[in-house]
Amino acid sequence: MTSRIAIFTVLLATTVACNNHTSTNNDHNIMTTVPASPPSVPAGAYQGTIPCADCPGIIYQLTFLDNNQFQDLTLYQERNNNKAFTDVGSWKLLNDSIIILERKQPQQLLFKENRLFFLDQTGNRKGGSLNDNYILRPVEGANASIRKDKAAKGISFTAGGNEPNWSIDLRKGNKITFHTSQLDSLEIPIPPARPNTDSLKVYTASTKAGNFKLSIRDQACLDDMSGFMRPIAVELQLGDKTYHGCGEYIK
């Protein structure tokens, strides 16, 4: 009897040990996903539609550039012939979470969980019970390095669109370069713009690919895939094809 009890005890201990070992292996096989930490300082572009007293809404986009510089675009919907107003300046970080846009009337924003919350002059959330209408969220499309590279190459204006992906660059007083994802390309001298006004510039030329007509309008343009806003709307007609997209001047 004693012998049977001893054997049972050994078997029980062995079973428990095996079960514990299996559990340990299972623990090692568990895959855990650690969420990416939000950035500690804002980068790229943030956008939102905020309330407007006499229009459907104000699309506001804030882009953070190199060297603590910013650029913002403000579009009053259904006002000003769809023109976006641009401002540039510098910003600073206060207390690790408060962004201050340095302008005549400094604007404070709280940076939290990769979103920007408008603050009033007292440092409280703007909008009271409607403060959820005063939030900017990340939007794709800003690329400071590409912009900087184009500026270094002497490009004064750049634009592009989707389906198919295409791009066009104007070099200062030199030439127009056009490319598409379908490997179409064109390079021509910049012809005189006619008309040539602050609100509209049209460049026309005859090329091997057909008649070329580039229209640059001073109207806000939202990328139809990302929603990123640029201050210029572009239409390019080349032969029997028409391309629509968004652009901006590079200074």
Protein backbone atom coordinates (compact mmCIF):
# COMPACT_ATOMS: atom_id res chain seq x y z
CA MET A 1 0.00 0.00 0.00
CA THR A 2 2.79 2.35 0.94
CA SER A 3 4.49 1.52 -2.36
CA ARG A 4 1.34 2.39 -4.34
CA ILE A 5 1.00 5.73 -2.55
CA ALA A 6 4.63 6.55 -3.32
CA ILE A 7 4.18 5.71 -7.01
CA PHE A 8 0.99 7.83 -7.20
CA THR A 9 2.77 10.74 -5.53
CA VAL A 10 5.63 10.57 -8.04
CA LEU A 11 3.21 10.42 -10.98
CA LEU A 12 1.22 13.38 -9.63
CA ALA A 13 4.37 15.44 -9.15
CA THR A 14 5.53 14.56 -12.66
CA THR A 15 2.15 15.54 -14.14
CA VAL A 16 2.14 18.87 -12.30
CA ALA A 17 5.70 19.55 -13.40
CA CYS A 18 4.82 18.78 -17.03
CA ASN A 19 1.76 21.00 -16.90
CA ASN A 20 3.78 23.83 -15.41
CA HIS A 21 6.42 23.40 -18.11
CA THR A 22 3.78 23.50 -20.85
CA SER A 23 2.24 26.63 -19.36
CA THR A 24 5.64 28.27 -19.29
CA ASN A 25 6.17 27.46 -22.97
CA ASN A 26 2.76 28.88 -23.82
CA ASP A 27 3.64 32.05 -21.94
CA HIS A 28 6.78 32.41 -24.05
CA ASN A 29 4.75 31.95 -27.24
CA ILE A 30 2.29 34.74 -26.47
CA MET A 31 2.77 37.63 -28.93
CA THR A 32 2.14 41.04 -27.48
CA THR A 33 1.81 44.22 -29.51
CA VAL A 34 3.16 47.34 -27.89
CA PRO A 35 1.36 50.39 -29.26
CA ALA A 36 3.59 53.04 -30.77
CA SER A 37 4.11 56.01 -28.51
CA PRO A 38 2.73 59.29 -29.83
CA PRO A 39 5.38 61.85 -30.81
CA SER A 40 6.60 64.17 -28.07
CA VAL A 41 6.52 67.19 -30.37
CA PRO A 42 4.25 67.85 -33.37
CA ALA A 43 5.51 66.93 -36.83
CA GLY A 44 3.96 67.09 -40.27
CA ALA A 45 0.52 68.62 -40.75
CA TYR A 46 -2.65 68.83 -38.66
CA GLN A 47 -6.07 69.81 -39.95
CA GLY A 48 -9.60 70.41 -38.76
CA THR A 49 -12.82 72.24 -39.60
CA ILE A 50 -13.65 74.82 -36.95
CA PRO A 51 -16.85 76.85 -36.50
CA CYS A 52 -17.48 79.97 -38.59
CA ALA A 53 -19.95 82.74 -37.77
CA ASP A 54 -20.99 83.45 -41.37
CA CYS A 55 -19.90 80.42 -43.39
CA PRO A 56 -20.34 76.62 -43.22
CA GLY A 57 -16.95 76.19 -41.55
CA ILE A 58 -13.27 77.09 -41.60
CA ILE A 59 -10.82 74.47 -42.81
CA TYR A 60 -7.61 75.17 -40.93
CA GLN A 61 -4.35 73.35 -41.60
CA LEU A 62 -1.15 73.79 -39.62
CA THR A 63 2.14 72.40 -40.95
CA PHE A 64 5.30 72.22 -38.85
CA LEU A 65 8.49 72.92 -40.81
CA ASP A 66 12.20 72.76 -40.01
CA ASN A 67 13.83 75.08 -37.47
CA ASN A 68 10.64 75.62 -35.45
CA GLN A 69 8.86 77.26 -38.36
CA PHE A 70 5.21 76.75 -39.27
CA GLN A 71 2.90 77.42 -42.19
CA ASP A 72 -0.85 77.56 -41.88
CA LEU A 73 -3.67 77.65 -44.42
CA THR A 74 -7.12 79.02 -43.64
CA LEU A 75 -10.06 78.40 -45.96
CA TYR A 76 -13.46 79.98 -45.28
CA GLN A 77 -15.85 77.59 -46.97
CA GLU A 78 -18.05 79.18 -49.67
CA ARG A 79 -16.30 82.53 -49.21
CA ASN A 80 -13.56 84.53 -50.98
CA ASN A 81 -13.81 82.54 -54.22
CA ASN A 82 -12.33 79.50 -52.45
CA LYS A 83 -9.05 81.32 -51.76
CA ALA A 84 -6.91 79.98 -48.90
CA PHE A 85 -5.05 82.48 -46.74
CA THR A 86 -1.47 81.57 -45.88
CA ASP A 87 0.63 82.61 -42.91
CA VAL A 88 4.12 81.61 -41.83
CA GLY A 89 5.99 82.13 -38.60
CA SER A 90 7.82 80.47 -35.75
CA TRP A 91 6.56 78.39 -32.86
CA LYS A 92 7.85 77.31 -29.48
CA LEU A 93 7.08 74.58 -26.97
CA LEU A 94 6.10 75.54 -23.43
CA ASN A 95 5.94 73.10 -20.50
CA ASP A 96 6.40 70.09 -22.83
CA SER A 97 2.83 70.26 -24.16
CA ILE A 98 1.80 73.83 -25.03
CA ILE A 99 2.48 75.00 -28.58
CA ILE A 100 2.63 78.76 -29.04
CA LEU A 101 2.37 80.16 -32.56
CA GLU A 102 4.26 83.42 -32.40
CA ARG A 103 2.31 86.11 -34.25
CA LYS A 104 0.71 89.47 -33.42
CA GLN A 105 -1.94 87.61 -31.47
CA PRO A 106 -0.16 84.44 -30.30
CA GLN A 107 -2.21 81.25 -30.55
CA GLN A 108 -1.90 78.56 -27.90
CA LEU A 109 -2.56 74.89 -28.61
CA LEU A 110 -2.35 71.88 -26.33
CA PHE A 111 -0.43 69.00 -27.90
CA LYS A 112 -1.75 65.71 -26.55
CA GLU A 113 -1.94 62.18 -28.03
CA ASN A 114 -0.81 63.55 -31.40
CA ARG A 115 -3.69 66.00 -31.60
CA LEU A 116 -3.81 69.77 -31.20
CA PHE A 117 -6.46 71.38 -29.01
CA PHE A 118 -7.13 75.12 -29.33
CA LEU A 119 -6.72 77.06 -26.10
CA ASP A 120 -8.09 80.48 -25.22
CA GLN A 121 -6.05 83.33 -23.76
CA THR A 122 -6.51 81.94 -20.25
CA GLY A 123 -5.10 78.54 -21.25
CA ASN A 124 -8.44 76.68 -21.17
CA ARG A 125 -9.91 74.59 -23.98
CA LYS A 126 -11.53 76.87 -26.54
CA GLY A 127 -15.21 76.52 -27.40
CA GLY A 128 -16.71 75.71 -24.02
CA SER A 129 -19.26 72.92 -24.47
CA LEU A 130 -18.36 72.85 -28.19
CA ASN A 131 -14.63 72.37 -27.60
CA ASP A 132 -14.60 69.15 -29.66
CA ASN A 133 -15.00 71.42 -32.70
CA TYR A 134 -11.61 72.99 -31.97
CA ILE A 135 -9.30 70.02 -32.52
CA LEU A 136 -6.69 69.47 -35.24
CA ARG A 137 -5.81 65.92 -36.24
CA PRO A 138 -2.87 64.59 -38.29
CA VAL A 139 -3.24 64.65 -42.06
CA GLU A 140 -0.84 63.00 -44.50
CA GLY A 141 0.77 64.89 -47.35
CA ALA A 142 3.29 67.24 -45.78
CA ASN A 143 6.88 66.40 -46.66
CA ALA A 144 9.35 69.08 -45.63
CA SER A 145 12.36 67.15 -46.96
CA ILE A 146 10.93 66.94 -50.51
CA ARG A 147 10.02 70.62 -50.41
CA LYS A 148 13.52 71.51 -49.24
CA ASP A 149 15.09 69.36 -51.97
CA LYS A 150 12.98 71.01 -54.67
CA ALA A 151 13.92 74.46 -53.41
CA ALA A 152 17.61 73.52 -53.58
CA LYS A 153 17.10 72.51 -57.23
CA GLY A 154 15.66 75.91 -58.09
CA ILE A 155 12.06 74.75 -58.39
CA SER A 156 9.70 77.65 -57.74
CA PHE A 157 6.37 75.84 -58.17
CA THR A 158 5.32 72.22 -57.76
CA ALA A 159 2.03 70.39 -58.19
CA GLY A 160 0.66 66.88 -58.49
CA GLY A 161 -2.40 64.68 -58.54
CA ASN A 162 -3.71 61.13 -58.41
CA GLU A 163 -5.03 58.36 -60.66
CA PRO A 164 -2.61 58.28 -62.29
CA ASN A 165 -0.03 59.84 -60.01
CA TRP A 166 1.54 62.80 -61.76
CA SER A 167 3.75 65.75 -60.90
CA ILE A 168 4.86 68.96 -62.53
CA ASP A 169 7.65 71.35 -61.53
CA LEU A 170 8.51 74.84 -62.73
CA ARG A 171 12.15 75.86 -62.41
CA LYS A 172 12.83 79.55 -62.00
CA GLY A 173 12.96 81.15 -65.46
CA ASN A 174 13.97 77.86 -67.03
CA LYS A 175 11.75 74.88 -67.80
CA ILE A 176 8.65 72.86 -66.98
CA THR A 177 9.08 69.17 -66.12
CA PHE A 178 6.12 66.77 -66.14
CA HIS A 179 6.05 63.09 -65.06
CA THR A 180 3.41 60.42 -64.48
CA SER A 181 3.47 57.01 -62.80
CA GLN A 182 2.79 55.55 -66.26
CA LEU A 183 6.27 56.73 -67.29
CA ASP A 184 4.98 59.61 -69.40
CA SER A 185 7.33 62.57 -69.24
CA LEU A 186 7.77 65.97 -70.82
CA GLU A 187 10.25 68.80 -70.48
CA ILE A 188 9.73 72.15 -72.19
CA PRO A 189 10.93 75.74 -71.76
CA ILE A 190 8.58 77.87 -69.68
CA PRO A 191 6.41 79.88 -72.10
CA PRO A 192 5.06 83.33 -71.17
CA ALA A 193 1.95 83.14 -68.98
CA ARG A 194 -1.20 84.52 -70.62
CA PRO A 195 -3.13 85.61 -68.67
CA ASN A 196 -0.68 86.36 -65.89
CA THR A 197 -2.58 87.66 -62.86
CA ASP A 198 -2.45 87.03 -59.13
CA SER A 199 -5.48 84.74 -59.39
CA LEU A 200 -4.76 82.92 -62.67
CA LYS A 201 -1.71 82.01 -64.74
CA VAL A 202 -1.99 79.99 -67.95
CA TYR A 203 0.97 78.52 -69.83
CA THR A 204 0.43 77.13 -73.35
CA ALA A 205 2.80 75.46 -75.80
CA SER A 206 2.89 73.01 -78.69
CA THR A 207 4.78 69.79 -77.89
CA LYS A 208 5.45 66.38 -79.41
CA ALA A 209 2.83 64.96 -77.02
CA GLY A 210 0.21 67.45 -78.23
CA ASN A 211 -1.01 70.86 -77.16
CA PHE A 212 0.07 71.78 -73.63
CA LYS A 213 -2.01 74.03 -71.37
CA LEU A 214 -1.22 74.51 -67.68
CA SER A 215 -3.68 76.57 -65.61
CA ILE A 216 -2.65 77.68 -62.11
CA ARG A 217 -5.48 79.16 -60.02
CA ASP A 218 -5.21 80.89 -56.67
CA GLN A 219 -7.84 78.62 -55.12
CA ALA A 220 -7.56 76.12 -52.30
CA CYS A 221 -7.24 72.50 -53.34
CA LEU A 222 -7.70 69.39 -51.18
CA ASP A 223 -5.96 66.18 -52.22
CA ASP A 224 -8.73 63.75 -53.19
CA MET A 225 -6.99 60.87 -51.39
CA SER A 226 -5.32 62.28 -48.27
CA GLY A 227 -7.34 65.48 -47.75
CA PHE A 228 -4.13 67.51 -47.44
CA MET A 229 -4.77 71.12 -48.47
CA ARG A 230 -2.61 73.23 -50.77
CA PRO A 231 -3.25 76.85 -51.75
CA ILE A 232 -3.27 76.36 -55.54
CA ALA A 233 -5.59 74.41 -57.85
CA VAL A 234 -3.99 73.10 -61.05
CA GLU A 235 -5.37 71.81 -64.34
CA LEU A 236 -3.10 70.40 -67.03
CA GLN A 237 -4.27 69.57 -70.53
CA LEU A 238 -1.81 67.58 -72.63
CA GLY A 239 -3.05 66.26 -75.94
CA ASP A 240 -6.36 64.51 -75.28
CA LYS A 241 -5.68 64.03 -71.53
CA THR A 242 -6.63 66.31 -68.64
CA TYR A 243 -5.05 66.18 -65.18
CA HIS A 244 -6.32 67.87 -62.02
CA GLY A 245 -4.29 68.40 -58.87
CA CYS A 246 -2.98 70.69 -56.16
CA GLY A 247 0.13 72.82 -56.00
CA GLU A 248 2.12 75.44 -54.15
CA TYR A 249 4.84 77.99 -54.69
CA ILE A 250 8.19 77.24 -53.07
CA LYS A 251 10.12 80.15 -51.63
